[in-house]
């Protein structure tokens, strides 16, 4: 049976983490720089271990004020240490709760910056301990492949895409999809082109969207498996 991963952002303090962990197969866990805390990380890791959900480090700029969604000009050396700190903190907590950190994913502004900015992309790679990388095509994944690292391509069924294949900015019409049925249909369309589909965990309808996506993927004959 062909398979795909269903991931969501967890540990951000804005959604029902326990409910999402009952649906997704991979959890991108906030590491405290844009959201989250050691207490939240520990709770999510413990639940993930019980449910067999893969855990990844969701690393970001140090920007809780803007939820990590504002681009920062951070020196490569500084960003490398910030990423290493986030990955290291989660790795320690995850190990104590019986799970391993299986991949790294950039968050928000850092995610989009590393699509084109080689220095920022290198900082993420250098700070992330050789972990597999989850993301969209761009400099980060290209550099990861060149280093011999595993990469996982992801798509976003709850976001609109521009003609260049990038996500529409959130302030543009059609950037954020709201209808669960439409999101589920889009997830099935994406399934043949990516390794993982992401449902944004910070949306009020995140759990309902994730359930609709999972049901649609399974109805299309796809198995669900974590990264």
N, C-alpha and C. Protein backbone atom coordinates (compact mmCIF):
# COMPACT_ATOMS: atom_id res chain seq x y z
N UNK A 1 0.83 -1.19 0.00
CA UNK A 1 0.00 0.00 0.00
C UNK A 1 0.88 1.25 0.00
N UNK A 2 0.64 2.20 -0.92
CA UNK A 2 1.37 3.46 -0.85
C UNK A 2 1.02 4.19 0.44
N UNK A 3 1.96 4.97 0.94
CA UNK A 3 1.72 5.63 2.22
C UNK A 3 2.14 7.09 2.16
N UNK A 4 1.68 7.85 3.12
CA UNK A 4 2.01 9.26 3.24
C UNK A 4 1.95 9.64 4.71
N UNK A 5 2.64 10.71 5.04
CA UNK A 5 2.64 11.24 6.40
C UNK A 5 1.67 12.42 6.50
N UNK A 6 1.07 12.57 7.66
CA UNK A 6 0.22 13.72 7.95
C UNK A 6 0.82 14.43 9.16
N UNK A 7 1.32 15.65 8.96
CA UNK A 7 1.96 16.36 10.06
C UNK A 7 1.19 17.62 10.45
N UNK A 8 1.43 18.08 11.66
CA UNK A 8 0.85 19.33 12.15
C UNK A 8 1.79 19.95 13.15
N UNK A 9 1.65 21.26 13.33
CA UNK A 9 2.45 22.00 14.31
C UNK A 9 1.78 21.88 15.67
N UNK A 10 2.53 21.40 16.65
CA UNK A 10 2.00 21.21 17.99
C UNK A 10 2.86 21.94 19.01
N UNK A 11 2.34 22.01 20.24
CA UNK A 11 3.09 22.61 21.33
C UNK A 11 3.12 24.12 21.29
N UNK A 12 2.24 24.72 20.51
CA UNK A 12 2.25 26.17 20.37
C UNK A 12 1.27 26.86 21.32
N UNK A 13 0.50 26.07 22.07
CA UNK A 13 -0.42 26.64 23.04
C UNK A 13 -1.67 27.25 22.45
N UNK A 14 -2.00 26.89 21.21
CA UNK A 14 -3.17 27.49 20.57
C UNK A 14 -4.16 26.46 20.02
N UNK A 15 -3.91 25.18 20.26
CA UNK A 15 -4.83 24.17 19.76
C UNK A 15 -4.88 23.01 20.73
N UNK A 16 -5.69 22.02 20.41
CA UNK A 16 -5.84 20.83 21.25
C UNK A 16 -4.80 19.80 20.83
N UNK A 17 -3.64 19.85 21.48
CA UNK A 17 -2.55 18.95 21.10
C UNK A 17 -2.94 17.49 21.22
N UNK A 18 -3.62 17.13 22.29
CA UNK A 18 -3.99 15.73 22.52
C UNK A 18 -4.90 15.23 21.40
N UNK A 19 -5.85 16.05 20.99
CA UNK A 19 -6.76 15.65 19.92
C UNK A 19 -6.01 15.51 18.59
N UNK A 20 -5.12 16.44 18.31
CA UNK A 20 -4.35 16.34 17.07
C UNK A 20 -3.46 15.11 17.06
N UNK A 21 -2.90 14.75 18.20
CA UNK A 21 -2.04 13.58 18.28
C UNK A 21 -2.82 12.29 18.04
N UNK A 22 -4.12 12.35 18.15
CA UNK A 22 -4.95 11.20 17.83
C UNK A 22 -5.23 11.05 16.35
N UNK A 23 -4.77 12.03 15.54
CA UNK A 23 -5.06 12.03 14.11
C UNK A 23 -3.79 12.02 13.26
N UNK A 24 -2.83 12.87 13.60
CA UNK A 24 -1.63 13.02 12.76
C UNK A 24 -0.66 11.86 12.99
N UNK A 25 0.31 11.75 12.10
CA UNK A 25 1.35 10.73 12.25
C UNK A 25 2.71 11.34 12.58
N UNK A 26 2.86 12.65 12.40
CA UNK A 26 4.08 13.35 12.80
C UNK A 26 3.72 14.68 13.44
N UNK A 27 4.45 15.03 14.50
CA UNK A 27 4.21 16.27 15.23
C UNK A 27 5.42 17.18 15.14
N UNK A 28 5.23 18.35 14.54
CA UNK A 28 6.29 19.37 14.49
C UNK A 28 6.19 20.15 15.79
N UNK A 29 7.11 19.92 16.69
CA UNK A 29 6.95 20.42 18.05
C UNK A 29 7.74 21.72 18.28
N UNK A 30 7.01 22.77 18.65
CA UNK A 30 7.63 24.05 18.94
C UNK A 30 8.64 23.90 20.07
N UNK A 31 9.79 24.51 19.90
CA UNK A 31 10.91 24.31 20.83
C UNK A 31 11.19 25.52 21.72
N UNK A 32 10.20 26.39 21.88
CA UNK A 32 10.32 27.47 22.85
C UNK A 32 10.72 28.82 22.31
N UNK A 33 11.14 28.91 21.04
CA UNK A 33 11.62 30.19 20.53
C UNK A 33 10.49 31.04 19.94
N UNK A 34 9.51 30.43 19.31
CA UNK A 34 8.34 31.19 18.84
C UNK A 34 7.11 30.88 19.68
N UNK A 35 7.14 29.74 20.34
CA UNK A 35 6.02 29.30 21.18
C UNK A 35 6.47 28.07 21.94
N UNK A 36 5.66 27.65 22.92
CA UNK A 36 5.94 26.43 23.65
C UNK A 36 6.81 26.65 24.87
N UNK A 37 7.03 25.55 25.57
CA UNK A 37 7.83 25.55 26.81
C UNK A 37 8.28 24.13 27.07
N UNK A 38 9.27 23.94 27.95
CA UNK A 38 9.68 22.58 28.30
C UNK A 38 8.53 21.74 28.83
N UNK A 39 7.63 22.34 29.60
CA UNK A 39 6.49 21.59 30.13
C UNK A 39 5.58 21.10 29.02
N UNK A 40 5.31 21.98 28.05
CA UNK A 40 4.46 21.59 26.92
C UNK A 40 5.17 20.55 26.07
N UNK A 41 6.45 20.76 25.81
CA UNK A 41 7.21 19.78 25.02
C UNK A 41 7.15 18.40 25.67
N UNK A 42 7.30 18.36 26.97
CA UNK A 42 7.28 17.09 27.68
C UNK A 42 5.91 16.40 27.55
N UNK A 43 4.85 17.18 27.69
CA UNK A 43 3.50 16.61 27.59
C UNK A 43 3.23 16.06 26.20
N UNK A 44 3.63 16.81 25.18
CA UNK A 44 3.40 16.34 23.81
C UNK A 44 4.24 15.10 23.51
N UNK A 45 5.49 15.09 23.96
CA UNK A 45 6.35 13.93 23.72
C UNK A 45 5.79 12.68 24.41
N UNK A 46 5.29 12.83 25.62
CA UNK A 46 4.74 11.69 26.34
C UNK A 46 3.53 11.13 25.60
N UNK A 47 2.66 12.02 25.12
CA UNK A 47 1.48 11.57 24.38
C UNK A 47 1.87 10.97 23.04
N UNK A 48 2.85 11.56 22.39
CA UNK A 48 3.32 11.03 21.11
C UNK A 48 3.88 9.63 21.27
N UNK A 49 4.62 9.42 22.36
CA UNK A 49 5.18 8.09 22.62
C UNK A 49 4.07 7.07 22.79
N UNK A 50 3.02 7.45 23.48
CA UNK A 50 1.91 6.53 23.72
C UNK A 50 1.16 6.20 22.44
N UNK A 51 1.06 7.19 21.55
CA UNK A 51 0.26 7.01 20.33
C UNK A 51 1.09 6.59 19.11
N UNK A 52 2.40 6.53 19.26
CA UNK A 52 3.25 6.15 18.13
C UNK A 52 3.40 7.23 17.08
N UNK A 53 3.32 8.47 17.49
CA UNK A 53 3.46 9.60 16.57
C UNK A 53 4.92 10.04 16.54
N UNK A 54 5.45 10.27 15.34
CA UNK A 54 6.81 10.75 15.20
C UNK A 54 6.92 12.21 15.67
N UNK A 55 8.06 12.56 16.22
CA UNK A 55 8.27 13.92 16.73
C UNK A 55 9.41 14.57 15.95
N UNK A 56 9.18 15.81 15.53
CA UNK A 56 10.21 16.60 14.86
C UNK A 56 10.40 17.92 15.56
N UNK A 57 11.58 18.50 15.43
CA UNK A 57 11.88 19.79 16.03
C UNK A 57 11.45 20.91 15.08
N UNK A 58 10.52 21.72 15.54
CA UNK A 58 10.09 22.88 14.75
C UNK A 58 10.87 24.10 15.23
N UNK A 59 11.90 24.46 14.49
CA UNK A 59 12.82 25.50 14.93
C UNK A 59 12.45 26.83 14.29
N UNK A 60 12.76 27.92 14.98
CA UNK A 60 12.33 29.23 14.50
C UNK A 60 13.28 30.31 14.96
N UNK A 61 13.01 31.52 14.48
CA UNK A 61 13.69 32.68 15.03
C UNK A 61 13.24 32.87 16.48
N UNK A 62 14.07 33.54 17.27
CA UNK A 62 13.70 33.85 18.65
C UNK A 62 12.75 35.04 18.63
N UNK A 63 11.45 34.75 18.48
CA UNK A 63 10.48 35.82 18.23
C UNK A 63 9.09 35.40 18.71
N UNK A 64 8.94 35.31 20.01
CA UNK A 64 7.63 34.95 20.55
C UNK A 64 6.60 36.06 20.32
N UNK A 65 7.07 37.30 20.28
CA UNK A 65 6.16 38.43 20.10
C UNK A 65 5.36 38.32 18.81
N UNK A 66 6.01 37.87 17.74
CA UNK A 66 5.36 37.78 16.44
C UNK A 66 5.14 36.33 16.01
N UNK A 67 5.23 35.40 16.95
CA UNK A 67 4.98 33.99 16.66
C UNK A 67 5.92 33.45 15.58
N UNK A 68 7.11 34.05 15.51
CA UNK A 68 8.09 33.57 14.54
C UNK A 68 7.75 33.85 13.09
N UNK A 69 6.86 34.79 12.85
CA UNK A 69 6.41 35.04 11.48
C UNK A 69 6.97 36.32 10.88
N UNK A 70 7.95 36.91 11.54
CA UNK A 70 8.63 38.10 11.00
C UNK A 70 10.07 37.73 10.68
N UNK A 71 10.50 38.00 9.46
CA UNK A 71 11.87 37.66 9.05
C UNK A 71 12.88 38.45 9.87
N UNK A 72 13.93 37.78 10.29
CA UNK A 72 14.99 38.41 11.07
C UNK A 72 16.33 38.28 10.34
N UNK A 73 17.15 39.30 10.45
CA UNK A 73 18.51 39.22 9.92
C UNK A 73 19.42 38.76 11.06
N UNK A 74 19.59 37.45 11.14
CA UNK A 74 20.38 36.84 12.22
C UNK A 74 21.65 36.27 11.60
N UNK A 75 22.77 36.58 12.21
CA UNK A 75 24.05 36.06 11.71
C UNK A 75 24.03 34.54 11.70
N UNK A 76 24.71 33.99 10.72
CA UNK A 76 24.73 32.52 10.56
C UNK A 76 25.17 31.83 11.84
N UNK A 77 26.22 32.32 12.46
CA UNK A 77 26.74 31.68 13.67
C UNK A 77 25.71 31.73 14.81
N UNK A 78 25.03 32.86 14.92
CA UNK A 78 24.02 33.02 15.98
C UNK A 78 22.84 32.10 15.73
N UNK A 79 22.36 32.09 14.49
CA UNK A 79 21.22 31.25 14.16
C UNK A 79 21.56 29.77 14.34
N UNK A 80 22.78 29.40 13.96
CA UNK A 80 23.22 28.01 14.16
C UNK A 80 23.12 27.61 15.63
N UNK A 81 23.56 28.48 16.52
CA UNK A 81 23.51 28.18 17.95
C UNK A 81 22.07 28.16 18.46
N UNK A 82 21.23 29.02 17.91
CA UNK A 82 19.82 29.03 18.32
C UNK A 82 19.11 27.75 17.88
N UNK A 83 19.40 27.31 16.68
CA UNK A 83 18.81 26.05 16.20
C UNK A 83 19.32 24.89 17.03
N UNK A 84 20.61 24.87 17.31
CA UNK A 84 21.20 23.80 18.12
C UNK A 84 20.58 23.77 19.51
N UNK A 85 20.33 24.94 20.07
CA UNK A 85 19.71 25.01 21.39
C UNK A 85 18.31 24.42 21.36
N UNK A 86 17.53 24.77 20.34
CA UNK A 86 16.16 24.25 20.23
C UNK A 86 16.15 22.73 20.04
N UNK A 87 16.98 22.27 19.12
CA UNK A 87 17.04 20.82 18.86
C UNK A 87 17.55 20.09 20.09
N UNK A 88 18.55 20.65 20.74
CA UNK A 88 19.11 19.99 21.92
C UNK A 88 18.11 19.89 23.06
N UNK A 89 17.37 20.97 23.29
CA UNK A 89 16.36 20.96 24.36
C UNK A 89 15.31 19.90 24.09
N UNK A 90 14.79 19.87 22.87
CA UNK A 90 13.75 18.89 22.55
C UNK A 90 14.31 17.47 22.60
N UNK A 91 15.52 17.28 22.11
CA UNK A 91 16.13 15.94 22.12
C UNK A 91 16.23 15.40 23.53
N UNK A 92 16.65 16.24 24.44
CA UNK A 92 16.77 15.81 25.84
C UNK A 92 15.40 15.43 26.43
N UNK A 93 14.42 16.29 26.22
CA UNK A 93 13.08 16.03 26.76
C UNK A 93 12.46 14.81 26.11
N UNK A 94 12.58 14.72 24.79
CA UNK A 94 11.99 13.58 24.07
C UNK A 94 12.59 12.26 24.56
N UNK A 95 13.91 12.24 24.73
CA UNK A 95 14.56 11.02 25.21
C UNK A 95 14.05 10.59 26.57
N UNK A 96 13.81 11.55 27.43
CA UNK A 96 13.30 11.23 28.76
C UNK A 96 11.88 10.69 28.71
N UNK A 97 11.15 11.03 27.64
CA UNK A 97 9.77 10.55 27.50
C UNK A 97 9.64 9.35 26.56
N UNK A 98 10.77 8.82 26.12
CA UNK A 98 10.75 7.58 25.35
C UNK A 98 10.56 7.74 23.85
N UNK A 99 10.82 8.92 23.32
CA UNK A 99 10.74 9.11 21.86
C UNK A 99 12.04 9.77 21.38
N UNK A 100 12.28 9.69 20.09
CA UNK A 100 13.44 10.37 19.51
C UNK A 100 12.98 11.48 18.58
N UNK A 101 13.81 12.48 18.41
CA UNK A 101 13.53 13.54 17.45
C UNK A 101 13.96 13.02 16.08
N UNK A 102 13.00 12.91 15.18
CA UNK A 102 13.24 12.20 13.92
C UNK A 102 13.51 13.12 12.72
N UNK A 103 13.27 14.41 12.87
CA UNK A 103 13.49 15.33 11.76
C UNK A 103 13.46 16.76 12.28
N UNK A 104 13.85 17.71 11.43
CA UNK A 104 13.78 19.12 11.76
C UNK A 104 12.95 19.82 10.69
N UNK A 105 12.17 20.80 11.12
CA UNK A 105 11.39 21.63 10.20
C UNK A 105 11.47 23.07 10.68
N UNK A 106 11.77 23.98 9.77
CA UNK A 106 11.77 25.39 10.14
C UNK A 106 10.33 25.90 10.24
N UNK A 107 10.16 26.94 11.03
CA UNK A 107 8.82 27.50 11.26
C UNK A 107 8.71 28.91 10.70
N UNK A 108 7.53 29.22 10.17
CA UNK A 108 7.18 30.60 9.84
C UNK A 108 8.17 31.30 8.93
N UNK A 109 8.63 32.48 9.39
CA UNK A 109 9.52 33.29 8.57
C UNK A 109 10.83 32.57 8.26
N UNK A 110 11.31 31.77 9.18
CA UNK A 110 12.54 31.02 8.93
C UNK A 110 12.33 29.98 7.84
N UNK A 111 11.17 29.34 7.84
CA UNK A 111 10.83 28.36 6.80
C UNK A 111 10.95 29.02 5.42
N UNK A 112 10.32 30.18 5.27
CA UNK A 112 10.30 30.83 3.97
C UNK A 112 11.66 31.44 3.62
N UNK A 113 12.36 31.93 4.61
CA UNK A 113 13.68 32.53 4.36
C UNK A 113 14.66 31.49 3.84
N UNK A 114 14.60 30.29 4.38
CA UNK A 114 15.56 29.26 3.99
C UNK A 114 15.26 28.66 2.62
N UNK A 115 14.15 29.03 2.01
CA UNK A 115 13.90 28.59 0.65
C UNK A 115 14.89 29.22 -0.33
N UNK A 116 15.36 30.43 0.01
CA UNK A 116 16.24 31.16 -0.89
C UNK A 116 17.57 31.60 -0.28
N UNK A 117 17.61 31.79 1.02
CA UNK A 117 18.79 32.34 1.68
C UNK A 117 19.74 31.21 2.10
N UNK A 118 20.87 31.11 1.40
CA UNK A 118 21.79 30.01 1.65
C UNK A 118 22.41 30.06 3.04
N UNK A 119 22.75 31.26 3.51
CA UNK A 119 23.38 31.38 4.82
C UNK A 119 22.43 30.93 5.93
N UNK A 120 21.18 31.34 5.85
CA UNK A 120 20.20 30.93 6.84
C UNK A 120 19.92 29.44 6.75
N UNK A 121 19.87 28.92 5.52
CA UNK A 121 19.65 27.48 5.34
C UNK A 121 20.81 26.69 5.94
N UNK A 122 22.03 27.13 5.70
CA UNK A 122 23.19 26.44 6.24
C UNK A 122 23.18 26.47 7.77
N UNK A 123 22.75 27.58 8.34
CA UNK A 123 22.68 27.67 9.80
C UNK A 123 21.72 26.63 10.37
N UNK A 124 20.60 26.44 9.69
CA UNK A 124 19.63 25.43 10.16
C UNK A 124 20.25 24.04 10.06
N UNK A 125 20.91 23.76 8.97
CA UNK A 125 21.54 22.45 8.81
C UNK A 125 22.65 22.23 9.83
N UNK A 126 23.47 23.23 10.03
CA UNK A 126 24.60 23.10 10.96
C UNK A 126 24.15 22.92 12.41
N UNK A 127 23.00 23.50 12.74
CA UNK A 127 22.53 23.41 14.11
C UNK A 127 21.64 22.24 14.41
N UNK A 128 21.31 21.43 13.40
CA UNK A 128 20.28 20.41 13.59
C UNK A 128 20.79 18.98 13.63
N UNK A 129 22.08 18.82 13.89
CA UNK A 129 22.63 17.50 14.25
C UNK A 129 22.44 16.41 13.19
N UNK A 130 22.43 16.77 11.94
CA UNK A 130 22.29 15.76 10.89
C UNK A 130 20.91 15.17 10.73
N UNK A 131 19.90 15.77 11.35
CA UNK A 131 18.55 15.24 11.27
C UNK A 131 18.00 15.34 9.84
N UNK A 132 17.12 14.42 9.46
CA UNK A 132 16.39 14.60 8.21
C UNK A 132 15.64 15.94 8.23
N UNK A 133 15.37 16.46 7.05
CA UNK A 133 14.77 17.79 6.94
C UNK A 133 13.42 17.70 6.24
N UNK A 134 12.41 18.33 6.83
CA UNK A 134 11.07 18.40 6.24
C UNK A 134 10.85 19.81 5.71
N UNK A 135 10.41 19.93 4.46
CA UNK A 135 10.17 21.26 3.92
C UNK A 135 9.74 21.23 2.47
N UNK A 136 9.68 22.43 1.88
CA UNK A 136 9.35 22.60 0.48
C UNK A 136 10.64 22.72 -0.34
N UNK A 137 10.58 22.49 -1.65
CA UNK A 137 11.78 22.64 -2.49
C UNK A 137 12.37 24.04 -2.36
N UNK A 138 13.69 24.10 -2.23
CA UNK A 138 14.39 25.37 -2.07
C UNK A 138 15.81 25.10 -1.61
N UNK A 139 16.51 26.15 -1.19
CA UNK A 139 17.91 26.02 -0.82
C UNK A 139 18.12 25.05 0.33
N UNK A 140 17.25 25.08 1.32
CA UNK A 140 17.44 24.22 2.49
C UNK A 140 17.46 22.75 2.09
N UNK A 141 16.49 22.33 1.31
CA UNK A 141 16.45 20.91 0.92
C UNK A 141 17.58 20.58 -0.07
N UNK A 142 17.89 21.52 -0.96
CA UNK A 142 18.98 21.28 -1.92
C UNK A 142 20.30 21.08 -1.19
N UNK A 143 20.58 21.93 -0.22
CA UNK A 143 21.81 21.81 0.54
C UNK A 143 21.82 20.55 1.39
N UNK A 144 20.65 20.19 1.93
CA UNK A 144 20.56 18.97 2.74
C UNK A 144 20.89 17.74 1.89
N UNK A 145 20.34 17.69 0.69
CA UNK A 145 20.63 16.57 -0.21
C UNK A 145 22.11 16.52 -0.54
N UNK A 146 22.72 17.68 -0.77
CA UNK A 146 24.14 17.73 -1.09
C UNK A 146 25.00 17.20 0.06
N UNK A 147 24.48 17.33 1.28
CA UNK A 147 25.19 16.81 2.45
C UNK A 147 24.91 15.33 2.68
N UNK A 148 24.02 14.76 1.87
CA UNK A 148 23.68 13.36 2.05
C UNK A 148 22.60 13.12 3.09
N UNK A 149 21.90 14.19 3.46
CA UNK A 149 20.85 14.04 4.46
C UNK A 149 19.52 13.65 3.81
N UNK A 150 18.71 12.96 4.56
CA UNK A 150 17.37 12.60 4.11
C UNK A 150 16.50 13.85 4.09
N UNK A 151 15.70 14.00 3.04
CA UNK A 151 14.74 15.10 2.99
C UNK A 151 13.35 14.54 2.76
N UNK A 152 12.37 15.23 3.31
CA UNK A 152 10.97 14.89 3.13
C UNK A 152 10.26 16.11 2.56
N UNK A 153 9.64 15.95 1.41
CA UNK A 153 8.92 17.05 0.79
C UNK A 153 7.50 17.12 1.35
N UNK A 154 7.06 18.34 1.64
CA UNK A 154 5.72 18.48 2.18
C UNK A 154 4.87 19.45 1.36
N UNK A 155 3.55 19.25 1.48
CA UNK A 155 2.58 20.13 0.84
C UNK A 155 1.57 20.60 1.88
N UNK A 156 0.87 21.67 1.53
CA UNK A 156 -0.04 22.32 2.48
C UNK A 156 -1.45 22.38 1.90
N UNK A 157 -2.29 21.43 2.23
CA UNK A 157 -3.64 21.43 1.67
C UNK A 157 -4.53 22.56 2.19
N UNK A 158 -4.14 23.17 3.31
CA UNK A 158 -4.96 24.25 3.87
C UNK A 158 -4.43 25.64 3.50
N UNK A 159 -3.50 25.71 2.54
CA UNK A 159 -2.95 26.99 2.10
C UNK A 159 -3.03 27.11 0.58
N UNK A 160 -3.18 28.35 0.11
CA UNK A 160 -3.18 28.61 -1.31
C UNK A 160 -1.76 28.77 -1.83
N UNK A 161 -1.56 28.38 -3.09
CA UNK A 161 -0.25 28.45 -3.72
C UNK A 161 -0.25 29.52 -4.81
N UNK A 162 0.90 30.19 -4.96
CA UNK A 162 1.09 31.13 -6.05
C UNK A 162 1.55 30.37 -7.29
N UNK A 163 1.66 31.08 -8.41
CA UNK A 163 2.05 30.43 -9.66
C UNK A 163 3.46 29.87 -9.61
N UNK A 164 4.31 30.44 -8.74
CA UNK A 164 5.69 29.96 -8.65
C UNK A 164 5.84 28.74 -7.75
N UNK A 165 4.73 28.22 -7.24
CA UNK A 165 4.78 27.03 -6.40
C UNK A 165 5.00 27.32 -4.93
N UNK A 166 5.16 28.59 -4.56
CA UNK A 166 5.31 28.99 -3.16
C UNK A 166 3.95 29.28 -2.56
N UNK A 167 3.90 29.33 -1.24
CA UNK A 167 2.65 29.65 -0.57
C UNK A 167 2.31 31.12 -0.73
N UNK A 168 1.02 31.40 -0.89
CA UNK A 168 0.58 32.79 -0.93
C UNK A 168 0.80 33.43 0.45
N UNK A 169 1.24 34.68 0.50
CA UNK A 169 1.33 35.37 1.79
C UNK A 169 -0.03 35.36 2.49
N UNK A 170 -0.01 35.27 3.80
CA UNK A 170 -1.25 35.12 4.56
C UNK A 170 -2.23 36.28 4.40
N UNK A 171 -1.73 37.45 3.97
CA UNK A 171 -2.62 38.59 3.80
C UNK A 171 -3.23 38.67 2.40
N UNK A 172 -2.97 37.67 1.57
CA UNK A 172 -3.53 37.63 0.23
C UNK A 172 -4.82 36.82 0.21
N UNK A 173 -5.80 37.22 -0.62
CA UNK A 173 -7.04 36.44 -0.75
C UNK A 173 -6.73 35.00 -1.16
N UNK A 174 -7.39 34.05 -0.51
CA UNK A 174 -7.20 32.65 -0.84
C UNK A 174 -5.98 32.01 -0.22
N UNK A 175 -5.28 32.74 0.64
CA UNK A 175 -4.05 32.21 1.23
C UNK A 175 -4.32 31.11 2.24
N UNK A 176 -5.43 31.23 2.97
CA UNK A 176 -5.77 30.25 4.00
C UNK A 176 -7.13 29.64 3.69
N UNK A 177 -7.17 28.33 3.49
CA UNK A 177 -8.42 27.65 3.22
C UNK A 177 -9.14 27.33 4.52
N UNK A 178 -10.46 27.46 4.51
CA UNK A 178 -11.24 27.28 5.72
C UNK A 178 -12.13 26.04 5.68
N UNK A 179 -12.51 25.61 4.49
CA UNK A 179 -13.48 24.52 4.35
C UNK A 179 -12.79 23.16 4.45
N UNK A 180 -13.23 22.34 5.40
CA UNK A 180 -12.58 21.05 5.64
C UNK A 180 -12.66 20.14 4.42
N UNK A 181 -13.78 20.15 3.72
CA UNK A 181 -13.93 19.28 2.55
C UNK A 181 -12.96 19.69 1.45
N UNK A 182 -12.81 20.99 1.24
CA UNK A 182 -11.88 21.47 0.22
C UNK A 182 -10.44 21.15 0.60
N UNK A 183 -10.12 21.27 1.87
CA UNK A 183 -8.77 20.95 2.34
C UNK A 183 -8.48 19.47 2.15
N UNK A 184 -9.45 18.62 2.46
CA UNK A 184 -9.27 17.18 2.30
C UNK A 184 -9.07 16.81 0.84
N UNK A 185 -9.85 17.43 -0.05
CA UNK A 185 -9.72 17.17 -1.48
C UNK A 185 -8.33 17.57 -1.97
N UNK A 186 -7.86 18.72 -1.50
CA UNK A 186 -6.54 19.19 -1.89
C UNK A 186 -5.44 18.27 -1.37
N UNK A 187 -5.63 17.70 -0.19
CA UNK A 187 -4.64 16.79 0.38
C UNK A 187 -4.46 15.56 -0.52
N UNK A 188 -5.55 15.03 -1.03
CA UNK A 188 -5.47 13.87 -1.91
C UNK A 188 -4.76 14.24 -3.21
N UNK A 189 -5.01 15.44 -3.72
CA UNK A 189 -4.31 15.91 -4.92
C UNK A 189 -2.81 15.99 -4.68
N UNK A 190 -2.42 16.49 -3.52
CA UNK A 190 -1.01 16.65 -3.21
C UNK A 190 -0.30 15.33 -2.93
N UNK A 191 -1.07 14.33 -2.53
CA UNK A 191 -0.48 13.09 -2.03
C UNK A 191 0.47 12.42 -3.02
N UNK A 192 0.23 12.58 -4.30
CA UNK A 192 1.10 11.94 -5.28
C UNK A 192 2.38 12.69 -5.54
N UNK A 193 2.53 13.87 -4.95
CA UNK A 193 3.69 14.71 -5.25
C UNK A 193 4.58 14.99 -4.05
N UNK A 194 4.13 14.64 -2.84
CA UNK A 194 4.89 14.96 -1.63
C UNK A 194 4.96 13.73 -0.72
N UNK A 195 5.83 13.82 0.27
CA UNK A 195 5.97 12.75 1.26
C UNK A 195 5.07 12.96 2.48
N UNK A 196 4.69 14.22 2.69
CA UNK A 196 3.92 14.56 3.88
C UNK A 196 3.01 15.74 3.57
N UNK A 197 1.81 15.73 4.14
CA UNK A 197 0.92 16.88 4.05
C UNK A 197 0.78 17.49 5.44
N UNK A 198 0.75 18.82 5.47
CA UNK A 198 0.73 19.54 6.73
C UNK A 198 -0.59 20.27 6.92
N UNK A 199 -1.19 20.07 8.08
CA UNK A 199 -2.36 20.85 8.49
C UNK A 199 -1.90 21.80 9.58
N UNK A 200 -2.13 23.07 9.40
CA UNK A 200 -1.64 24.05 10.36
C UNK A 200 -2.35 23.92 11.71
N UNK A 201 -1.55 23.70 12.75
CA UNK A 201 -2.10 23.46 14.08
C UNK A 201 -2.60 24.70 14.78
N UNK A 202 -2.25 25.90 14.26
CA UNK A 202 -2.66 27.12 14.94
C UNK A 202 -4.00 27.65 14.44
N UNK A 203 -4.67 26.91 13.57
CA UNK A 203 -6.00 27.30 13.08
C UNK A 203 -7.07 26.76 14.01
N UNK A 204 -8.14 27.53 14.29
CA UNK A 204 -9.20 27.04 15.17
C UNK A 204 -9.83 25.72 14.72
N UNK A 205 -9.80 25.48 13.42
CA UNK A 205 -10.38 24.24 12.89
C UNK A 205 -9.37 23.15 12.66
N UNK A 206 -8.21 23.24 13.28
CA UNK A 206 -7.11 22.32 13.00
C UNK A 206 -7.50 20.85 13.17
N UNK A 207 -8.15 20.52 14.26
CA UNK A 207 -8.48 19.11 14.53
C UNK A 207 -9.47 18.60 13.49
N UNK A 208 -10.50 19.38 13.20
CA UNK A 208 -11.49 18.97 12.20
C UNK A 208 -10.85 18.85 10.83
N UNK A 209 -9.97 19.76 10.50
CA UNK A 209 -9.28 19.70 9.21
C UNK A 209 -8.41 18.46 9.12
N UNK A 210 -7.68 18.17 10.18
CA UNK A 210 -6.81 17.00 10.19
C UNK A 210 -7.61 15.71 10.05
N UNK A 211 -8.73 15.63 10.74
CA UNK A 211 -9.57 14.44 10.63
C UNK A 211 -10.10 14.27 9.21
N UNK A 212 -10.54 15.36 8.60
CA UNK A 212 -11.06 15.28 7.24
C UNK A 212 -9.97 14.85 6.27
N UNK A 213 -8.78 15.37 6.46
CA UNK A 213 -7.65 15.00 5.59
C UNK A 213 -7.31 13.53 5.75
N UNK A 214 -7.23 13.07 6.99
CA UNK A 214 -6.89 11.67 7.21
C UNK A 214 -7.94 10.74 6.59
N UNK A 215 -9.18 11.04 6.80
CA UNK A 215 -10.25 10.21 6.23
C UNK A 215 -10.17 10.18 4.71
N UNK A 216 -9.89 11.34 4.10
CA UNK A 216 -9.82 11.41 2.64
C UNK A 216 -8.63 10.63 2.10
N UNK A 217 -7.49 10.73 2.78
CA UNK A 217 -6.31 10.00 2.35
C UNK A 217 -6.52 8.49 2.46
N UNK A 218 -7.11 8.07 3.55
CA UNK A 218 -7.38 6.63 3.73
C UNK A 218 -8.40 6.15 2.71
N UNK A 219 -9.42 6.96 2.42
CA UNK A 219 -10.42 6.58 1.44
C UNK A 219 -9.81 6.47 0.04
N UNK A 220 -8.73 7.21 -0.19
CA UNK A 220 -8.03 7.16 -1.48
C UNK A 220 -7.05 5.98 -1.56
N UNK A 221 -7.02 5.17 -0.52
CA UNK A 221 -6.18 3.98 -0.55
C UNK A 221 -4.78 4.19 -0.06
N UNK A 222 -4.53 5.26 0.67
CA UNK A 222 -3.20 5.57 1.18
C UNK A 222 -3.08 5.16 2.65
N UNK A 223 -1.97 4.54 3.00
CA UNK A 223 -1.67 4.27 4.40
C UNK A 223 -1.04 5.49 5.03
N UNK A 224 -1.25 5.69 6.30
CA UNK A 224 -0.66 6.83 7.03
C UNK A 224 0.49 6.31 7.87
N UNK A 225 1.66 6.97 7.72
CA UNK A 225 2.86 6.54 8.45
C UNK A 225 3.72 7.76 8.76
N UNK A 226 4.20 7.82 10.00
CA UNK A 226 5.02 8.94 10.42
C UNK A 226 6.39 8.96 9.78
N UNK A 227 7.02 10.11 9.84
CA UNK A 227 8.37 10.27 9.26
C UNK A 227 9.40 9.53 10.09
